[in-house]
PDB file of N, CA and C in Angstrom:
ATOM      1  N   MET A   1       8.686  -0.415  15.518  1.00  0.00           N
ATOM      2  CA  MET A   1       7.769  -0.652  14.431  1.00  0.00           C
ATOM      3  C   MET A   1       7.199   0.683  13.957  1.00  0.00           C
ATOM      4  N   LYS A   2       7.077   0.824  12.631  1.00  0.00           N
ATOM      5  CA  LYS A   2       6.538   2.029  12.006  1.00  0.00           C
ATOM      6  C   LYS A   2       5.220   1.707  11.325  1.00  0.00           C
ATOM      7  N   CYS A   3       4.420   2.741  11.104  1.00  0.00           N
ATOM      8  CA  CYS A   3       3.165   2.593  10.377  1.00  0.00           C
ATOM      9  C   CYS A   3       3.053   3.775   9.413  1.00  0.00           C
ATOM     10  N   THR A   4       2.789   3.467   8.147  1.00  0.00           N
ATOM     11  CA  THR A   4       2.707   4.487   7.111  1.00  0.00           C
ATOM     12  C   THR A   4       1.360   4.399   6.406  1.00  0.00           C
ATOM     13  N   HIS A   5       0.766   5.558   6.166  1.00  0.00           N
ATOM     14  CA  HIS A   5      -0.523   5.677   5.480  1.00  0.00           C
ATOM     15  C   HIS A   5      -0.263   6.323   4.122  1.00  0.00           C
ATOM     16  N   LEU A   6      -0.733   5.664   3.045  1.00  0.00           N
ATOM     17  CA  LEU A   6      -0.532   6.162   1.692  1.00  0.00           C
ATOM     18  C   LEU A   6      -1.864   6.352   0.987  1.00  0.00           C
ATOM     19  N   ILE A   7      -1.956   7.390   0.189  1.00  0.00           N
ATOM     20  CA  ILE A   7      -3.051   7.565  -0.758  1.00  0.00           C
ATOM     21  C   ILE A   7      -2.395   7.570  -2.135  1.00  0.00           C
ATOM     22  N   VAL A   8      -2.774   6.585  -2.946  1.00  0.00           N
ATOM     23  CA  VAL A   8      -2.141   6.382  -4.250  1.00  0.00           C
ATOM     24  C   VAL A   8      -3.122   6.780  -5.346  1.00  0.00           C
ATOM     25  N   SER A   9      -2.684   7.679  -6.234  1.00  0.00           N
ATOM     26  CA  SER A   9      -3.516   8.189  -7.325  1.00  0.00           C
ATOM     27  C   SER A   9      -3.024   7.659  -8.664  1.00  0.00           C
ATOM     28  N   GLY A  10      -3.922   7.679  -9.634  1.00  0.00           N
ATOM     29  CA  GLY A  10      -3.592   7.250 -10.991  1.00  0.00           C
ATOM     30  C   GLY A  10      -4.542   6.148 -11.424  1.00  0.00           C
ATOM     31  N   ARG A  11      -4.074   5.324 -12.341  1.00  0.00           N
ATOM     32  CA  ARG A  11      -4.869   4.168 -12.775  1.00  0.00           C
ATOM     33  C   ARG A  11      -4.530   3.016 -11.846  1.00  0.00           C
ATOM     34  N   VAL A  12      -5.233   2.984 -10.717  1.00  0.00           N
ATOM     35  CA  VAL A  12      -4.897   2.030  -9.655  1.00  0.00           C
ATOM     36  C   VAL A  12      -6.087   1.174  -9.225  1.00  0.00           C
ATOM     37  N   GLN A  13      -7.225   1.339  -9.890  1.00  0.00           N
ATOM     38  CA  GLN A  13      -8.376   0.478  -9.602  1.00  0.00           C
ATOM     39  C   GLN A  13      -8.710  -0.322 -10.852  1.00  0.00           C
ATOM     40  N   GLY A  14      -9.045  -1.595 -10.650  1.00  0.00           N
ATOM     41  CA  GLY A  14      -9.400  -2.455 -11.759  1.00  0.00           C
ATOM     42  C   GLY A  14      -8.204  -2.993 -12.521  1.00  0.00           C
ATOM     43  N   VAL A  15      -7.008  -2.889 -11.931  1.00  0.00           N
ATOM     44  CA  VAL A  15      -5.774  -3.339 -12.597  1.00  0.00           C
ATOM     45  C   VAL A  15      -4.930  -4.243 -11.673  1.00  0.00           C
ATOM     46  N   PHE A  16      -5.576  -4.852 -10.694  1.00  0.00           N
ATOM     47  CA  PHE A  16      -4.922  -5.760  -9.733  1.00  0.00           C
ATOM     48  C   PHE A  16      -3.856  -5.057  -8.879  1.00  0.00           C
ATOM     49  N   PHE A  17      -3.992  -3.750  -8.728  1.00  0.00           N
ATOM     50  CA  PHE A  17      -3.032  -2.979  -7.930  1.00  0.00           C
ATOM     51  C   PHE A  17      -3.008  -3.455  -6.481  1.00  0.00           C
ATOM     52  N   ARG A  18      -4.194  -3.569  -5.865  1.00  0.00           N
ATOM     53  CA  ARG A  18      -4.247  -3.980  -4.455  1.00  0.00           C
ATOM     54  C   ARG A  18      -3.658  -5.374  -4.254  1.00  0.00           C
ATOM     55  N   ALA A  19      -3.938  -6.288  -5.164  1.00  0.00           N
ATOM     56  CA  ALA A  19      -3.404  -7.646  -5.055  1.00  0.00           C
ATOM     57  C   ALA A  19      -1.882  -7.648  -5.179  1.00  0.00           C
ATOM     58  N   ASN A  20      -1.347  -6.836  -6.102  1.00  0.00           N
ATOM     59  CA  ASN A  20       0.110  -6.734  -6.238  1.00  0.00           C
ATOM     60  C   ASN A  20       0.752  -6.141  -4.995  1.00  0.00           C
ATOM     61  N   VAL A  21       0.098  -5.120  -4.431  1.00  0.00           N
ATOM     62  CA  VAL A  21       0.612  -4.497  -3.203  1.00  0.00           C
ATOM     63  C   VAL A  21       0.570  -5.501  -2.050  1.00  0.00           C
ATOM     64  N   ARG A  22      -0.534  -6.243  -1.940  1.00  0.00           N
ATOM     65  CA  ARG A  22      -0.639  -7.261  -0.889  1.00  0.00           C
ATOM     66  C   ARG A  22       0.474  -8.301  -1.028  1.00  0.00           C
ATOM     67  N   ASP A  23       0.697  -8.797  -2.227  1.00  0.00           N
ATOM     68  CA  ASP A  23       1.736  -9.814  -2.441  1.00  0.00           C
ATOM     69  C   ASP A  23       3.113  -9.287  -2.044  1.00  0.00           C
ATOM     70  N   LYS A  24       3.416  -8.042  -2.426  1.00  0.00           N
ATOM     71  CA  LYS A  24       4.710  -7.446  -2.075  1.00  0.00           C
ATOM     72  C   LYS A  24       4.807  -7.238  -0.567  1.00  0.00           C
ATOM     73  N   ALA A  25       3.733  -6.758   0.053  1.00  0.00           N
ATOM     74  CA  ALA A  25       3.733  -6.525   1.501  1.00  0.00           C
ATOM     75  C   ALA A  25       3.949  -7.838   2.255  1.00  0.00           C
ATOM     76  N   LEU A  26       3.294  -8.894   1.811  1.00  0.00           N
ATOM     77  CA  LEU A  26       3.479 -10.206   2.459  1.00  0.00           C
ATOM     78  C   LEU A  26       4.907 -10.697   2.290  1.00  0.00           C
ATOM     79  N   GLN A  27       5.472 -10.493   1.100  1.00  0.00           N
ATOM     80  CA  GLN A  27       6.869 -10.864   0.848  1.00  0.00           C
ATOM     81  C   GLN A  27       7.801 -10.118   1.805  1.00  0.00           C
ATOM     82  N   LEU A  28       7.468  -8.862   2.091  1.00  0.00           N
ATOM     83  CA  LEU A  28       8.283  -8.033   2.987  1.00  0.00           C
ATOM     84  C   LEU A  28       7.914  -8.221   4.461  1.00  0.00           C
ATOM     85  N   ARG A  29       6.927  -9.068   4.714  1.00  0.00           N
ATOM     86  CA  ARG A  29       6.437  -9.345   6.072  1.00  0.00           C
ATOM     87  C   ARG A  29       5.868  -8.110   6.762  1.00  0.00           C
ATOM     88  N   LEU A  30       5.124  -7.331   5.982  1.00  0.00           N
ATOM     89  CA  LEU A  30       4.439  -6.165   6.514  1.00  0.00           C
ATOM     90  C   LEU A  30       2.990  -6.519   6.783  1.00  0.00           C
ATOM     91  N   LYS A  31       2.365  -5.742   7.626  1.00  0.00           N
ATOM     92  CA  LYS A  31       0.964  -5.940   7.961  1.00  0.00           C
ATOM     93  C   LYS A  31       0.206  -4.661   7.624  1.00  0.00           C
ATOM     94  N   GLY A  32      -1.111  -4.791   7.398  1.00  0.00           N
ATOM     95  CA  GLY A  32      -1.933  -3.630   7.082  1.00  0.00           C
ATOM     96  C   GLY A  32      -2.983  -3.970   6.065  1.00  0.00           C
ATOM     97  N   TYR A  33      -3.246  -3.033   5.137  1.00  0.00           N
ATOM     98  CA  TYR A  33      -4.274  -3.272   4.134  1.00  0.00           C
ATOM     99  C   TYR A  33      -4.126  -2.341   2.937  1.00  0.00           C
ATOM    100  N   ALA A  34      -4.797  -2.716   1.847  1.00  0.00           N
ATOM    101  CA  ALA A  34      -4.961  -1.875   0.665  1.00  0.00           C
ATOM    102  C   ALA A  34      -6.461  -1.833   0.373  1.00  0.00           C
ATOM    103  N   LYS A  35      -6.986  -0.636   0.115  1.00  0.00           N
ATOM    104  CA  LYS A  35      -8.432  -0.456  -0.025  1.00  0.00           C
ATOM    105  C   LYS A  35      -8.737   0.567  -1.112  1.00  0.00           C
ATOM    106  N   ASN A  36      -9.693   0.231  -1.996  1.00  0.00           N
ATOM    107  CA  ASN A  36     -10.170   1.193  -2.990  1.00  0.00           C
ATOM    108  C   ASN A  36     -10.962   2.294  -2.302  1.00  0.00           C
ATOM    109  N   LEU A  37     -10.795   3.526  -2.791  1.00  0.00           N
ATOM    110  CA  LEU A  37     -11.573   4.659  -2.304  1.00  0.00           C
ATOM    111  C   LEU A  37     -12.545   5.106  -3.394  1.00  0.00           C
ATOM    112  N   GLU A  38     -13.630   5.709  -3.003  1.00  0.00           N
ATOM    113  CA  GLU A  38     -14.638   6.169  -3.960  1.00  0.00           C
ATOM    114  C   GLU A  38     -14.067   7.182  -4.949  1.00  0.00           C
ATOM    115  N   SER A  39     -13.012   7.876  -4.565  1.00  0.00           N
ATOM    116  CA  SER A  39     -12.383   8.888  -5.425  1.00  0.00           C
ATOM    117  C   SER A  39     -11.641   8.273  -6.607  1.00  0.00           C
ATOM    118  N   GLY A  40     -11.428   6.948  -6.577  1.00  0.00           N
ATOM    119  CA  GLY A  40     -10.631   6.282  -7.607  1.00  0.00           C
ATOM    120  C   GLY A  40      -9.207   6.019  -7.151  1.00  0.00           C
ATOM    121  N   ASP A  41      -8.849   6.563  -5.998  1.00  0.00           N
ATOM    122  CA  ASP A  41      -7.529   6.328  -5.410  1.00  0.00           C
ATOM    123  C   ASP A  41      -7.538   5.024  -4.614  1.00  0.00           C
ATOM    124  N   VAL A  42      -6.371   4.620  -4.163  1.00  0.00           N
ATOM    125  CA  VAL A  42      -6.249   3.462  -3.286  1.00  0.00           C
ATOM    126  C   VAL A  42      -5.543   3.901  -2.006  1.00  0.00           C
ATOM    127  N   GLU A  43      -6.096   3.478  -0.882  1.00  0.00           N
ATOM    128  CA  GLU A  43      -5.497   3.728   0.428  1.00  0.00           C
ATOM    129  C   GLU A  43      -4.687   2.491   0.813  1.00  0.00           C
ATOM    130  N   VAL A  44      -3.445   2.724   1.248  1.00  0.00           N
ATOM    131  CA  VAL A  44      -2.595   1.632   1.720  1.00  0.00           C
ATOM    132  C   VAL A  44      -2.083   2.013   3.103  1.00  0.00           C
ATOM    133  N   VAL A  45      -2.225   1.102   4.052  1.00  0.00           N
ATOM    134  CA  VAL A  45      -1.629   1.275   5.373  1.00  0.00           C
ATOM    135  C   VAL A  45      -0.685   0.101   5.573  1.00  0.00           C
ATOM    136  N   ALA A  46       0.573   0.407   5.850  1.00  0.00           N
ATOM    137  CA  ALA A  46       1.584  -0.635   6.026  1.00  0.00           C
ATOM    138  C   ALA A  46       2.295  -0.441   7.353  1.00  0.00           C
ATOM    139  N   GLU A  47       2.474  -1.539   8.054  1.00  0.00           N
ATOM    140  CA  GLU A  47       3.050  -1.516   9.391  1.00  0.00           C
ATOM    141  C   GLU A  47       4.173  -2.548   9.471  1.00  0.00           C
ATOM    142  N   GLY A  48       5.300  -2.140  10.044  1.00  0.00           N
ATOM    143  CA  GLY A  48       6.418  -3.059  10.211  1.00  0.00           C
ATOM    144  C   GLY A  48       7.739  -2.321  10.232  1.00  0.00           C
ATOM    145  N   ASP A  49       8.780  -3.004   9.789  1.00  0.00           N
ATOM    146  CA  ASP A  49      10.135  -2.461   9.755  1.00  0.00           C
ATOM    147  C   ASP A  49      10.204  -1.279   8.779  1.00  0.00           C
ATOM    148  N   GLU A  50      10.829  -0.192   9.198  1.00  0.00           N
ATOM    149  CA  GLU A  50      10.877   1.024   8.380  1.00  0.00           C
ATOM    150  C   GLU A  50      11.534   0.783   7.022  1.00  0.00           C
ATOM    151  N   LYS A  51      12.593   0.024   6.983  1.00  0.00           N
ATOM    152  CA  LYS A  51      13.282  -0.263   5.722  1.00  0.00           C
ATOM    153  C   LYS A  51      12.356  -1.025   4.768  1.00  0.00           C
ATOM    154  N   LYS A  52      11.602  -1.975   5.298  1.00  0.00           N
ATOM    155  CA  LYS A  52      10.669  -2.763   4.481  1.00  0.00           C
ATOM    156  C   LYS A  52       9.508  -1.894   3.983  1.00  0.00           C
ATOM    157  N   ILE A  53       9.042  -0.976   4.825  1.00  0.00           N
ATOM    158  CA  ILE A  53       7.991  -0.050   4.400  1.00  0.00           C
ATOM    159  C   ILE A  53       8.511   0.812   3.256  1.00  0.00           C
ATOM    160  N   ASN A  54       9.734   1.291   3.364  1.00  0.00           N
ATOM    161  CA  ASN A  54      10.315   2.104   2.295  1.00  0.00           C
ATOM    162  C   ASN A  54      10.396   1.313   0.990  1.00  0.00           C
ATOM    163  N   GLU A  55      10.708   0.024   1.072  1.00  0.00           N
ATOM    164  CA  GLU A  55      10.731  -0.829  -0.122  1.00  0.00           C
ATOM    165  C   GLU A  55       9.346  -0.915  -0.743  1.00  0.00           C
ATOM    166  N   LEU A  56       8.319  -1.043   0.101  1.00  0.00           N
ATOM    167  CA  LEU A  56       6.947  -1.113  -0.400  1.00  0.00           C
ATOM    168  C   LEU A  56       6.554   0.207  -1.059  1.00  0.00           C
ATOM    169  N   VAL A  57       6.910   1.324  -0.456  1.00  0.00           N
ATOM    170  CA  VAL A  57       6.590   2.636  -1.025  1.00  0.00           C
ATOM    171  C   VAL A  57       7.252   2.779  -2.396  1.00  0.00           C
ATOM    172  N   ASP A  58       8.511   2.384  -2.522  1.00  0.00           N
ATOM    173  CA  ASP A  58       9.203   2.441  -3.820  1.00  0.00           C
ATOM    174  C   ASP A  58       8.499   1.569  -4.845  1.00  0.00           C
ATOM    175  N   PHE A  59       8.076   0.373  -4.435  1.00  0.00           N
ATOM    176  CA  PHE A  59       7.343  -0.543  -5.304  1.00  0.00           C
ATOM    177  C   PHE A  59       6.039   0.103  -5.782  1.00  0.00           C
ATOM    178  N   ILE A  60       5.319   0.730  -4.868  1.00  0.00           N
ATOM    179  CA  ILE A  60       4.047   1.379  -5.196  1.00  0.00           C
ATOM    180  C   ILE A  60       4.267   2.535  -6.169  1.00  0.00           C
ATOM    181  N   LYS A  61       5.296   3.334  -5.945  1.00  0.00           N
ATOM    182  CA  LYS A  61       5.562   4.491  -6.808  1.00  0.00           C
ATOM    183  C   LYS A  61       5.851   4.083  -8.246  1.00  0.00           C
ATOM    184  N   LYS A  62       6.393   2.894  -8.455  1.00  0.00           N
ATOM    185  CA  LYS A  62       6.687   2.409  -9.806  1.00  0.00           C
ATOM    186  C   LYS A  62       5.429   1.927 -10.521  1.00  0.00           C
ATOM    187  N   GLY A  63       4.350   1.710  -9.780  1.00  0.00           N
ATOM    188  CA  GLY A  63       3.112   1.251 -10.390  1.00  0.00           C
ATOM    189  C   GLY A  63       3.180  -0.213 -10.768  1.00  0.00           C
ATOM    190  N   PRO A  64       2.996  -1.104  -9.802  1.00  0.00           N
ATOM    191  CA  PRO A  64       3.106  -2.538 -10.075  1.00  0.00           C
ATOM    192  C   PRO A  64       2.112  -3.019 -11.129  1.00  0.00           C
ATOM    193  N   GLY A  65       2.514  -4.025 -11.903  1.00  0.00           N
ATOM    194  CA  GLY A  65       1.628  -4.595 -12.917  1.00  0.00           C
ATOM    195  C   GLY A  65       1.298  -3.570 -13.984  1.00  0.00           C
ATOM    196  N   ILE A  66       0.020  -3.505 -14.363  1.00  0.00           N
ATOM    197  CA  ILE A  66      -0.392  -2.565 -15.405  1.00  0.00           C
ATOM    198  C   ILE A  66      -0.933  -1.255 -14.825  1.00  0.00           C
ATOM    199  N   ALA A  67      -0.761  -1.057 -13.534  1.00  0.00           N
ATOM    200  CA  ALA A  67      -1.176   0.193 -12.889  1.00  0.00           C
ATOM    201  C   ALA A  67      -0.288   1.337 -13.381  1.00  0.00           C
ATOM    202  N   SER A  68      -0.819   2.538 -13.300  1.00  0.00           N
ATOM    203  CA  SER A  68      -0.076   3.739 -13.653  1.00  0.00           C
ATOM    204  C   SER A  68      -0.243   4.742 -12.512  1.00  0.00           C
ATOM    205  N   VAL A  69       0.764   4.841 -11.670  1.00  0.00           N
ATOM    206  CA  VAL A  69       0.711   5.705 -10.488  1.00  0.00           C
ATOM    207  C   VAL A  69       1.138   7.116 -10.863  1.00  0.00           C
ATOM    208  N   THR A  70       0.284   8.095 -10.538  1.00  0.00           N
ATOM    209  CA  THR A  70       0.605   9.499 -10.826  1.00  0.00           C
ATOM    210  C   THR A  70       0.920  10.293  -9.563  1.00  0.00           C
ATOM    211  N   GLY A  71       0.587   9.740  -8.396  1.00  0.00           N
ATOM    212  CA  GLY A  71       0.864  10.447  -7.155  1.00  0.00           C
ATOM    213  C   GLY A  71       0.751   9.540  -5.950  1.00  0.00           C
ATOM    214  N   VAL A  72       1.595   9.820  -4.950  1.00  0.00           N
ATOM    215  CA  VAL A  72       1.564   9.058  -3.698  1.00  0.00           C
ATOM    216  C   VAL A  72       1.719  10.046  -2.546  1.00  0.00           C
ATOM    217  N   GLN A  73       0.687  10.127  -1.706  1.00  0.00           N
ATOM    218  CA  GLN A  73       0.766  10.930  -0.490  1.00  0.00           C
ATOM    219  C   GLN A  73       1.174  10.003   0.647  1.00  0.00           C
ATOM    220  N   VAL A  74       2.213  10.380   1.386  1.00  0.00           N
ATOM    221  CA  VAL A  74       2.731   9.528   2.457  1.00  0.00           C
ATOM    222  C   VAL A  74       2.634  10.269   3.784  1.00  0.00           C
ATOM    223  N   LYS A  75       2.015   9.606   4.765  1.00  0.00           N
ATOM    224  CA  LYS A  75       1.942  10.146   6.125  1.00  0.00           C
ATOM    225  C   LYS A  75       2.295   9.028   7.093  1.00  0.00           C
ATOM    226  N   HIS A  76       2.890   9.398   8.184  1.00  0.00           N
ATOM    227  CA  HIS A  76       3.194   8.405   9.215  1.00  0.00           C
ATOM    228  C   HIS A  76       2.111   8.490  10.288  1.00  0.00           C
ATOM    229  N   LYS A  77       1.799   7.354  10.872  1.00  0.00           N
ATOM    230  CA  LYS A  77       0.757   7.317  11.899  1.00  0.00           C
ATOM    231  C   LYS A  77       1.144   6.324  12.976  1.00  0.00           C
ATOM    232  N   GLU A  78       0.344   6.278  14.011  1.00  0.00           N
ATOM    233  CA  GLU A  78       0.582   5.335  15.107  1.00  0.00           C
ATOM    234  C   GLU A  78       0.282   3.916  14.655  1.00  0.00           C
ATOM    235  N   PRO A  79       1.120   2.957  15.020  1.00  0.00           N
ATOM    236  CA  PRO A  79       0.850   1.552  14.676  1.00  0.00           C
ATOM    237  C   PRO A  79      -0.480   1.085  15.257  1.00  0.00           C
ATOM    238  N   GLU A  80      -1.147   0.192  14.514  1.00  0.00           N
ATOM    239  CA  GLU A  80      -2.455  -0.329  14.929  1.00  0.00           C
ATOM    240  C   GLU A  80      -2.405  -1.813  15.264  1.00  0.00           C
ATOM    241  N   SER A  81      -1.245  -2.438  15.180  1.00  0.00           N
ATOM    242  CA  SER A  81      -1.069  -3.864  15.486  1.00  0.00           C
ATOM    243  C   SER A  81      -1.949  -4.770  14.629  1.00  0.00           C
ATOM    244  N   PHE A  82      -1.833  -4.595  13.302  1.00  0.00           N
ATOM    245  CA  PHE A  82      -2.551  -5.465  12.373  1.00  0.00           C
ATOM    246  C   PHE A  82      -2.048  -6.896  12.505  1.00  0.00           C
ATOM    247  N   LYS A  83      -2.897  -7.848  12.175  1.00  0.00           N
ATOM    248  CA  LYS A  83      -2.545  -9.275  12.260  1.00  0.00           C
ATOM    249  C   LYS A  83      -1.925  -9.784  10.963  1.00  0.00           C
ATOM    250  N   ASN A  84      -2.304  -9.163   9.809  1.00  0.00           N
ATOM    251  CA  ASN A  84      -1.795  -9.598   8.513  1.00  0.00           C
ATOM    252  C   ASN A  84      -1.935  -8.445   7.532  1.00  0.00           C
ATOM    253  N   PHE A  85      -1.702  -8.701   6.241  1.00  0.00           N
ATOM    254  CA  PHE A  85      -1.932  -7.683   5.220  1.00  0.00           C
ATOM    255  C   PHE A  85      -3.070  -8.172   4.341  1.00  0.00           C
ATOM    256  N   GLU A  86      -4.104  -7.355   4.201  1.00  0.00           N
ATOM    257  CA  GLU A  86      -5.281  -7.797   3.466  1.00  0.00           C
ATOM    258  C   GLU A  86      -5.733  -6.761   2.447  1.00  0.00           C
ATOM    259  N   VAL A  87      -6.484  -7.247   1.477  1.00  0.00           N
ATOM    260  CA  VAL A  87      -7.165  -6.376   0.516  1.00  0.00           C
ATOM    261  C   VAL A  87      -8.556  -6.140   1.066  1.00  0.00           C
ATOM    262  N   ARG A  88      -8.910  -4.874   1.225  1.00  0.00           N
ATOM    263  CA  ARG A  88     -10.243  -4.527   1.717  1.00  0.00           C
ATOM    264  C   ARG A  88     -11.076  -3.958   0.588  1.00  0.00           C
ATOM    265  N   ARG A  89     -12.380  -4.057   0.741  1.00  0.00           N
ATOM    266  CA  ARG A  89     -13.302  -3.499  -0.260  1.00  0.00           C
ATOM    267  C   ARG A  89     -13.656  -2.081   0.062  1.00  0.00           C
TER     268      ARG A  89
END
């Protein structure tokens, strides 16, 4: 199992970005969360199969819905054994 930490920049708040990411992550059977940051960016942590995480990263880079993604920072981290994928405040 892999765990990836993303910081997503662009027009990603107030455009249902986190909800779209959650729906895609659930479809891919990934666990983790998507959370708005005070900077205007969104933090995404995804845990699961590496191939499925890569699919989620590609989805995020395209800017789901009406979001406009200008940058994605990707780091790998230790798995945290999340129970599901949720939208956090």
